[in-house]
Amino acid sequence: QRVAGAGGTPLVVAHNAKVLGVIYLKDIVK
């Protein structure tokens, strides 16, 4: 929610069915 609220795209990463966290993908405004 925090990433989306900042205008980013969240990608969740999991290792062996364990959630490790989120990659914050940011749209770069020109």
ModelCIF file with pLDDT and N, C-alpha, C, O atoms, coordinates in Angstrom:
data_MODEL
#
_entry.id   MODEL 
#
_entity.id                         1 
_entity.type                       polymer 
_entity.pdbx_number_of_molecules   1 
#
_entity_poly.entity_id                      1 
_entity_poly.type                           'polypeptide(L)' 
_entity_poly.nstd_linkage                   no 
_entity_poly.nstd_monomer                   no 
_entity_poly.pdbx_seq_one_letter_code       QRVAGAGGTPLVVAHNAKVLGVIYLKDIVK 
_entity_poly.pdbx_seq_one_letter_code_can   QRVAGAGGTPLVVAHNAKVLGVIYLKDIVK 
_entity_poly.pdbx_strand_id                 A 
#
loop_
_entity_poly_seq.entity_id 
_entity_poly_seq.num 
_entity_poly_seq.mon_id 
_entity_poly_seq.hetero 
1 1  GLN n 
1 2  ARG n 
1 3  VAL n 
1 4  ALA n 
1 5  GLY n 
1 6  ALA n 
1 7  GLY n 
1 8  GLY n 
1 9  THR n 
1 10 PRO n 
1 11 LEU n 
1 12 VAL n 
1 13 VAL n 
1 14 ALA n 
1 15 HIS n 
1 16 ASN n 
1 17 ALA n 
1 18 LYS n 
1 19 VAL n 
1 20 LEU n 
1 21 GLY n 
1 22 VAL n 
1 23 ILE n 
1 24 TYR n 
1 25 LEU n 
1 26 LYS n 
1 27 ASP n 
1 28 ILE n 
1 29 VAL n 
1 30 LYS n 
#
_struct_asym.id          A 
_struct_asym.entity_id   1 
#
loop_
_ma_qa_metric.id 
_ma_qa_metric.mode 
_ma_qa_metric.name 
_ma_qa_metric.software_group_id 
_ma_qa_metric.type 
1 global pLDDT . pLDDT 
2 local  pLDDT . pLDDT 
#
_ma_qa_metric_global.metric_id      1 
_ma_qa_metric_global.metric_value   86.70 
_ma_qa_metric_global.model_id       1 
_ma_qa_metric_global.ordinal_id     1 
#
loop_
_ma_qa_metric_local.label_asym_id 
_ma_qa_metric_local.label_comp_id 
_ma_qa_metric_local.label_seq_id 
_ma_qa_metric_local.metric_id 
_ma_qa_metric_local.metric_value 
_ma_qa_metric_local.model_id 
_ma_qa_metric_local.ordinal_id 
A GLN 1  2 88.00 1 1  
A ARG 2  2 87.00 1 2  
A VAL 3  2 87.00 1 3  
A ALA 4  2 81.00 1 4  
A GLY 5  2 78.00 1 5  
A ALA 6  2 77.00 1 6  
A GLY 7  2 72.00 1 7  
A GLY 8  2 80.00 1 8  
A THR 9  2 82.00 1 9  
A PRO 10 2 90.00 1 10 
A LEU 11 2 91.00 1 11 
A VAL 12 2 94.00 1 12 
A VAL 13 2 94.00 1 13 
A ALA 14 2 94.00 1 14 
A HIS 15 2 92.00 1 15 
A ASN 16 2 90.00 1 16 
A ALA 17 2 88.00 1 17 
A LYS 18 2 92.00 1 18 
A VAL 19 2 92.00 1 19 
A LEU 20 2 94.00 1 20 
A GLY 21 2 93.00 1 21 
A VAL 22 2 94.00 1 22 
A ILE 23 2 93.00 1 23 
A TYR 24 2 92.00 1 24 
A LEU 25 2 88.00 1 25 
A LYS 26 2 83.00 1 26 
A ASP 27 2 78.00 1 27 
A ILE 28 2 78.00 1 28 
A VAL 29 2 80.00 1 29 
A LYS 30 2 79.00 1 30 
#
loop_
_atom_site.group_PDB 
_atom_site.id 
_atom_site.type_symbol 
_atom_site.label_atom_id 
_atom_site.label_alt_id 
_atom_site.label_comp_id 
_atom_site.label_asym_id 
_atom_site.label_entity_id 
_atom_site.label_seq_id 
_atom_site.pdbx_PDB_ins_code 
_atom_site.Cartn_x 
_atom_site.Cartn_y 
_atom_site.Cartn_z 
_atom_site.occupancy 
_atom_site.B_iso_or_equiv 
_atom_site.pdbx_formal_charge 
_atom_site.auth_seq_id 
_atom_site.auth_comp_id 
_atom_site.auth_asym_id 
_atom_site.auth_atom_id 
_atom_site.pdbx_PDB_model_num 
ATOM 1   N N  . GLN A 1 1  ? 0.831  -1.210  0.000   1.00 88.00 ? 1  GLN A N  1 
ATOM 2   C CA . GLN A 1 1  ? 0.000  0.000   0.000   1.00 88.00 ? 1  GLN A CA 1 
ATOM 3   C C  . GLN A 1 1  ? 0.865  1.260   0.000   1.00 88.00 ? 1  GLN A C  1 
ATOM 4   O O  . GLN A 1 1  ? 0.535  2.253   -0.649  1.00 88.00 ? 1  GLN A O  1 
ATOM 5   N N  . ARG A 1 2  ? 1.969  1.204   0.732   1.00 87.00 ? 2  ARG A N  1 
ATOM 6   C CA . ARG A 1 2  ? 2.862  2.364   0.783   1.00 87.00 ? 2  ARG A CA 1 
ATOM 7   C C  . ARG A 1 2  ? 3.508  2.620   -0.582  1.00 87.00 ? 2  ARG A C  1 
ATOM 8   O O  . ARG A 1 2  ? 3.609  3.767   -1.017  1.00 87.00 ? 2  ARG A O  1 
ATOM 9   N N  . VAL A 1 3  ? 3.946  1.545   -1.259  1.00 87.00 ? 3  VAL A N  1 
ATOM 10  C CA . VAL A 1 3  ? 4.563  1.681   -2.583  1.00 87.00 ? 3  VAL A CA 1 
ATOM 11  C C  . VAL A 1 3  ? 3.545  2.204   -3.594  1.00 87.00 ? 3  VAL A C  1 
ATOM 12  O O  . VAL A 1 3  ? 3.841  3.116   -4.366  1.00 87.00 ? 3  VAL A O  1 
ATOM 13  N N  . ALA A 1 4  ? 2.338  1.618   -3.585  1.00 81.00 ? 4  ALA A N  1 
ATOM 14  C CA . ALA A 1 4  ? 1.296  2.051   -4.513  1.00 81.00 ? 4  ALA A CA 1 
ATOM 15  C C  . ALA A 1 4  ? 0.895  3.496   -4.243  1.00 81.00 ? 4  ALA A C  1 
ATOM 16  O O  . ALA A 1 4  ? 0.642  4.264   -5.172  1.00 81.00 ? 4  ALA A O  1 
ATOM 17  N N  . GLY A 1 5  ? 0.839  3.861   -2.962  1.00 78.00 ? 5  GLY A N  1 
ATOM 18  C CA . GLY A 1 5  ? 0.480  5.233   -2.597  1.00 78.00 ? 5  GLY A CA 1 
ATOM 19  C C  . GLY A 1 5  ? 1.509  6.245   -3.054  1.00 78.00 ? 5  GLY A C  1 
ATOM 20  O O  . GLY A 1 5  ? 1.184  7.413   -3.266  1.00 78.00 ? 5  GLY A O  1 
ATOM 21  N N  . ALA A 1 6  ? 2.752  5.802   -3.208  1.00 77.00 ? 6  ALA A N  1 
ATOM 22  C CA . ALA A 1 6  ? 3.820  6.693   -3.685  1.00 77.00 ? 6  ALA A CA 1 
ATOM 23  C C  . ALA A 1 6  ? 3.906  6.723   -5.206  1.00 77.00 ? 6  ALA A C  1 
ATOM 24  O O  . ALA A 1 6  ? 4.783  7.374   -5.774  1.00 77.00 ? 6  ALA A O  1 
ATOM 25  N N  . GLY A 1 7  ? 2.979  6.006   -5.867  1.00 72.00 ? 7  GLY A N  1 
ATOM 26  C CA . GLY A 1 7  ? 2.960  6.010   -7.326  1.00 72.00 ? 7  GLY A CA 1 
ATOM 27  C C  . GLY A 1 7  ? 3.809  4.921   -7.950  1.00 72.00 ? 7  GLY A C  1 
ATOM 28  O O  . GLY A 1 7  ? 4.015  4.915   -9.163  1.00 72.00 ? 7  GLY A O  1 
ATOM 29  N N  . GLY A 1 8  ? 4.309  3.989   -7.127  1.00 80.00 ? 8  GLY A N  1 
ATOM 30  C CA . GLY A 1 8  ? 5.148  2.926   -7.652  1.00 80.00 ? 8  GLY A CA 1 
ATOM 31  C C  . GLY A 1 8  ? 4.368  1.659   -7.924  1.00 80.00 ? 8  GLY A C  1 
ATOM 32  O O  . GLY A 1 8  ? 3.177  1.566   -7.631  1.00 80.00 ? 8  GLY A O  1 
ATOM 33  N N  . THR A 1 9  ? 5.066  0.678   -8.495  1.00 82.00 ? 9  THR A N  1 
ATOM 34  C CA . THR A 1 9  ? 4.482  -0.636  -8.760  1.00 82.00 ? 9  THR A CA 1 
ATOM 35  C C  . THR A 1 9  ? 5.187  -1.654  -7.870  1.00 82.00 ? 9  THR A C  1 
ATOM 36  O O  . THR A 1 9  ? 6.403  -1.814  -7.972  1.00 82.00 ? 9  THR A O  1 
ATOM 37  N N  . PRO A 1 10 ? 4.444  -2.351  -6.991  1.00 90.00 ? 10 PRO A N  1 
ATOM 38  C CA . PRO A 1 10 ? 5.079  -3.330  -6.099  1.00 90.00 ? 10 PRO A CA 1 
ATOM 39  C C  . PRO A 1 10 ? 5.167  -4.709  -6.734  1.00 90.00 ? 10 PRO A C  1 
ATOM 40  O O  . PRO A 1 10 ? 4.185  -5.204  -7.288  1.00 90.00 ? 10 PRO A O  1 
ATOM 41  N N  . LEU A 1 11 ? 6.345  -5.336  -6.656  1.00 91.00 ? 11 LEU A N  1 
ATOM 42  C CA . LEU A 1 11 ? 6.524  -6.736  -7.032  1.00 91.00 ? 11 LEU A CA 1 
ATOM 43  C C  . LEU A 1 11 ? 6.918  -7.498  -5.774  1.00 91.00 ? 11 LEU A C  1 
ATOM 44  O O  . LEU A 1 11 ? 7.885  -7.140  -5.102  1.00 91.00 ? 11 LEU A O  1 
ATOM 45  N N  . VAL A 1 12 ? 6.176  -8.537  -5.463  1.00 94.00 ? 12 VAL A N  1 
ATOM 46  C CA . VAL A 1 12 ? 6.461  -9.328  -4.263  1.00 94.00 ? 12 VAL A CA 1 
ATOM 47  C C  . VAL A 1 12 ? 7.386  -10.487 -4.634  1.00 94.00 ? 12 VAL A C  1 
ATOM 48  O O  . VAL A 1 12 ? 7.223  -11.117 -5.679  1.00 94.00 ? 12 VAL A O  1 
ATOM 49  N N  . VAL A 1 13 ? 8.373  -10.760 -3.747  1.00 94.00 ? 13 VAL A N  1 
ATOM 50  C CA . VAL A 1 13 ? 9.339  -11.841 -3.968  1.00 94.00 ? 13 VAL A CA 1 
ATOM 51  C C  . VAL A 1 13 ? 9.155  -12.902 -2.895  1.00 94.00 ? 13 VAL A C  1 
ATOM 52  O O  . VAL A 1 13 ? 9.058  -12.588 -1.708  1.00 94.00 ? 13 VAL A O  1 
ATOM 53  N N  . ALA A 1 14 ? 9.106  -14.171 -3.321  1.00 94.00 ? 14 ALA A N  1 
ATOM 54  C CA . ALA A 1 14 ? 8.973  -15.288 -2.376  1.00 94.00 ? 14 ALA A CA 1 
ATOM 55  C C  . ALA A 1 14 ? 10.047 -16.335 -2.669  1.00 94.00 ? 14 ALA A C  1 
ATOM 56  O O  . ALA A 1 14 ? 10.376 -16.594 -3.827  1.00 94.00 ? 14 ALA A O  1 
ATOM 57  N N  . HIS A 1 15 ? 10.595 -16.940 -1.589  1.00 92.00 ? 15 HIS A N  1 
ATOM 58  C CA . HIS A 1 15 ? 11.614 -17.989 -1.705  1.00 92.00 ? 15 HIS A CA 1 
ATOM 59  C C  . HIS A 1 15 ? 11.112 -19.203 -0.941  1.00 92.00 ? 15 HIS A C  1 
ATOM 60  O O  . HIS A 1 15 ? 10.940 -19.166 0.278   1.00 92.00 ? 15 HIS A O  1 
ATOM 61  N N  . ASN A 1 16 ? 10.880 -20.295 -1.693  1.00 90.00 ? 16 ASN A N  1 
ATOM 62  C CA . ASN A 1 16 ? 10.364 -21.520 -1.080  1.00 90.00 ? 16 ASN A CA 1 
ATOM 63  C C  . ASN A 1 16 ? 9.117  -21.251 -0.244  1.00 90.00 ? 16 ASN A C  1 
ATOM 64  O O  . ASN A 1 16 ? 9.037  -21.647 0.919   1.00 90.00 ? 16 ASN A O  1 
ATOM 65  N N  . ALA A 1 17 ? 8.149  -20.572 -0.852  1.00 88.00 ? 17 ALA A N  1 
ATOM 66  C CA . ALA A 1 17 ? 6.844  -20.274 -0.240  1.00 88.00 ? 17 ALA A CA 1 
ATOM 67  C C  . ALA A 1 17 ? 6.950  -19.340 0.956   1.00 88.00 ? 17 ALA A C  1 
ATOM 68  O O  . ALA A 1 17 ? 6.013  -19.238 1.748   1.00 88.00 ? 17 ALA A O  1 
ATOM 69  N N  . LYS A 1 18 ? 8.094  -18.650 1.098   1.00 92.00 ? 18 LYS A N  1 
ATOM 70  C CA . LYS A 1 18 ? 8.249  -17.666 2.168   1.00 92.00 ? 18 LYS A CA 1 
ATOM 71  C C  . LYS A 1 18 ? 8.386  -16.277 1.526   1.00 92.00 ? 18 LYS A C  1 
ATOM 72  O O  . LYS A 1 18 ? 9.267  -16.056 0.695   1.00 92.00 ? 18 LYS A O  1 
ATOM 73  N N  . VAL A 1 19 ? 7.520  -15.358 1.913   1.00 92.00 ? 19 VAL A N  1 
ATOM 74  C CA . VAL A 1 19 ? 7.571  -14.002 1.370   1.00 92.00 ? 19 VAL A CA 1 
ATOM 75  C C  . VAL A 1 19 ? 8.779  -13.273 1.952   1.00 92.00 ? 19 VAL A C  1 
ATOM 76  O O  . VAL A 1 19 ? 8.940  -13.195 3.170   1.00 92.00 ? 19 VAL A O  1 
ATOM 77  N N  . LEU A 1 20 ? 9.621  -12.742 1.076   1.00 94.00 ? 20 LEU A N  1 
ATOM 78  C CA . LEU A 1 20 ? 10.823 -12.028 1.525   1.00 94.00 ? 20 LEU A CA 1 
ATOM 79  C C  . LEU A 1 20 ? 10.605 -10.508 1.575   1.00 94.00 ? 20 LEU A C  1 
ATOM 80  O O  . LEU A 1 20 ? 11.202 -9.820  2.402   1.00 94.00 ? 20 LEU A O  1 
ATOM 81  N N  . GLY A 1 21 ? 9.754  -9.995  0.694   1.00 93.00 ? 21 GLY A N  1 
ATOM 82  C CA . GLY A 1 21 ? 9.545  -8.548  0.686   1.00 93.00 ? 21 GLY A CA 1 
ATOM 83  C C  . GLY A 1 21 ? 9.066  -8.055  -0.674  1.00 93.00 ? 21 GLY A C  1 
ATOM 84  O O  . GLY A 1 21 ? 8.538  -8.812  -1.488  1.00 93.00 ? 21 GLY A O  1 
ATOM 85  N N  . VAL A 1 22 ? 9.270  -6.771  -0.888  1.00 94.00 ? 22 VAL A N  1 
ATOM 86  C CA . VAL A 1 22 ? 8.714  -6.099  -2.067  1.00 94.00 ? 22 VAL A CA 1 
ATOM 87  C C  . VAL A 1 22 ? 9.816  -5.355  -2.823  1.00 94.00 ? 22 VAL A C  1 
ATOM 88  O O  . VAL A 1 22 ? 10.680 -4.713  -2.226  1.00 94.00 ? 22 VAL A O  1 
ATOM 89  N N  . ILE A 1 23 ? 9.762  -5.461  -4.161  1.00 93.00 ? 23 ILE A N  1 
ATOM 90  C CA . ILE A 1 23 ? 10.614 -4.633  -5.021  1.00 93.00 ? 23 ILE A CA 1 
ATOM 91  C C  . ILE A 1 23 ? 9.789  -3.416  -5.429  1.00 93.00 ? 23 ILE A C  1 
ATOM 92  O O  . ILE A 1 23 ? 8.689  -3.543  -5.965  1.00 93.00 ? 23 ILE A O  1 
ATOM 93  N N  . TYR A 1 24 ? 10.339 -2.249  -5.166  1.00 92.00 ? 24 TYR A N  1 
ATOM 94  C CA . TYR A 1 24 ? 9.643  -0.995  -5.502  1.00 92.00 ? 24 TYR A CA 1 
ATOM 95  C C  . TYR A 1 24 ? 10.052 -0.582  -6.915  1.00 92.00 ? 24 TYR A C  1 
ATOM 96  O O  . TYR A 1 24 ? 11.166 -0.109  -7.137  1.00 92.00 ? 24 TYR A O  1 
ATOM 97  N N  . LEU A 1 25 ? 9.128  -0.770  -7.871  1.00 88.00 ? 25 LEU A N  1 
ATOM 98  C CA . LEU A 1 25 ? 9.363  -0.316  -9.245  1.00 88.00 ? 25 LEU A CA 1 
ATOM 99  C C  . LEU A 1 25 ? 8.757  1.072   -9.400  1.00 88.00 ? 25 LEU A C  1 
ATOM 100 O O  . LEU A 1 25 ? 7.571  1.280   -9.143  1.00 88.00 ? 25 LEU A O  1 
ATOM 101 N N  . LYS A 1 26 ? 9.573  1.996   -9.814  1.00 83.00 ? 26 LYS A N  1 
ATOM 102 C CA . LYS A 1 26 ? 9.123  3.383   -9.884  1.00 83.00 ? 26 LYS A CA 1 
ATOM 103 C C  . LYS A 1 26 ? 8.974  3.836   -11.332 1.00 83.00 ? 26 LYS A C  1 
ATOM 104 O O  . LYS A 1 26 ? 9.867  3.639   -12.157 1.00 83.00 ? 26 LYS A O  1 
ATOM 105 N N  . ASP A 1 27 ? 7.811  4.457   -11.626 1.00 78.00 ? 27 ASP A N  1 
ATOM 106 C CA . ASP A 1 27 ? 7.623  5.127   -12.917 1.00 78.00 ? 27 ASP A CA 1 
ATOM 107 C C  . ASP A 1 27 ? 8.390  6.437   -12.868 1.00 78.00 ? 27 ASP A C  1 
ATOM 108 O O  . ASP A 1 27 ? 8.146  7.275   -11.999 1.00 78.00 ? 27 ASP A O  1 
ATOM 109 N N  . ILE A 1 28 ? 9.318  6.614   -13.800 1.00 78.00 ? 28 ILE A N  1 
ATOM 110 C CA . ILE A 1 28 ? 10.144 7.818   -13.814 1.00 78.00 ? 28 ILE A CA 1 
ATOM 111 C C  . ILE A 1 28 ? 9.449  8.896   -14.642 1.00 78.00 ? 28 ILE A C  1 
ATOM 112 O O  . ILE A 1 28 ? 9.298  8.760   -15.856 1.00 78.00 ? 28 ILE A O  1 
ATOM 113 N N  . VAL A 1 29 ? 9.033  9.960   -13.973 1.00 80.00 ? 29 VAL A N  1 
ATOM 114 C CA . VAL A 1 29 ? 8.393  11.076  -14.669 1.00 80.00 ? 29 VAL A CA 1 
ATOM 115 C C  . VAL A 1 29 ? 9.454  11.835  -15.465 1.00 80.00 ? 29 VAL A C  1 
ATOM 116 O O  . VAL A 1 29 ? 10.534 12.129  -14.953 1.00 80.00 ? 29 VAL A O  1 
ATOM 117 N N  . LYS A 1 30 ? 9.139  12.145  -16.707 1.00 79.00 ? 30 LYS A N  1 
ATOM 118 C CA . LYS A 1 30 ? 10.101 12.804  -17.592 1.00 79.00 ? 30 LYS A CA 1 
ATOM 119 C C  . LYS A 1 30 ? 10.480 14.186  -17.071 1.00 79.00 ? 30 LYS A C  1 
ATOM 120 O O  . LYS A 1 30 ? 11.282 14.882  -17.694 1.00 79.00 ? 30 LYS A O  1 
#
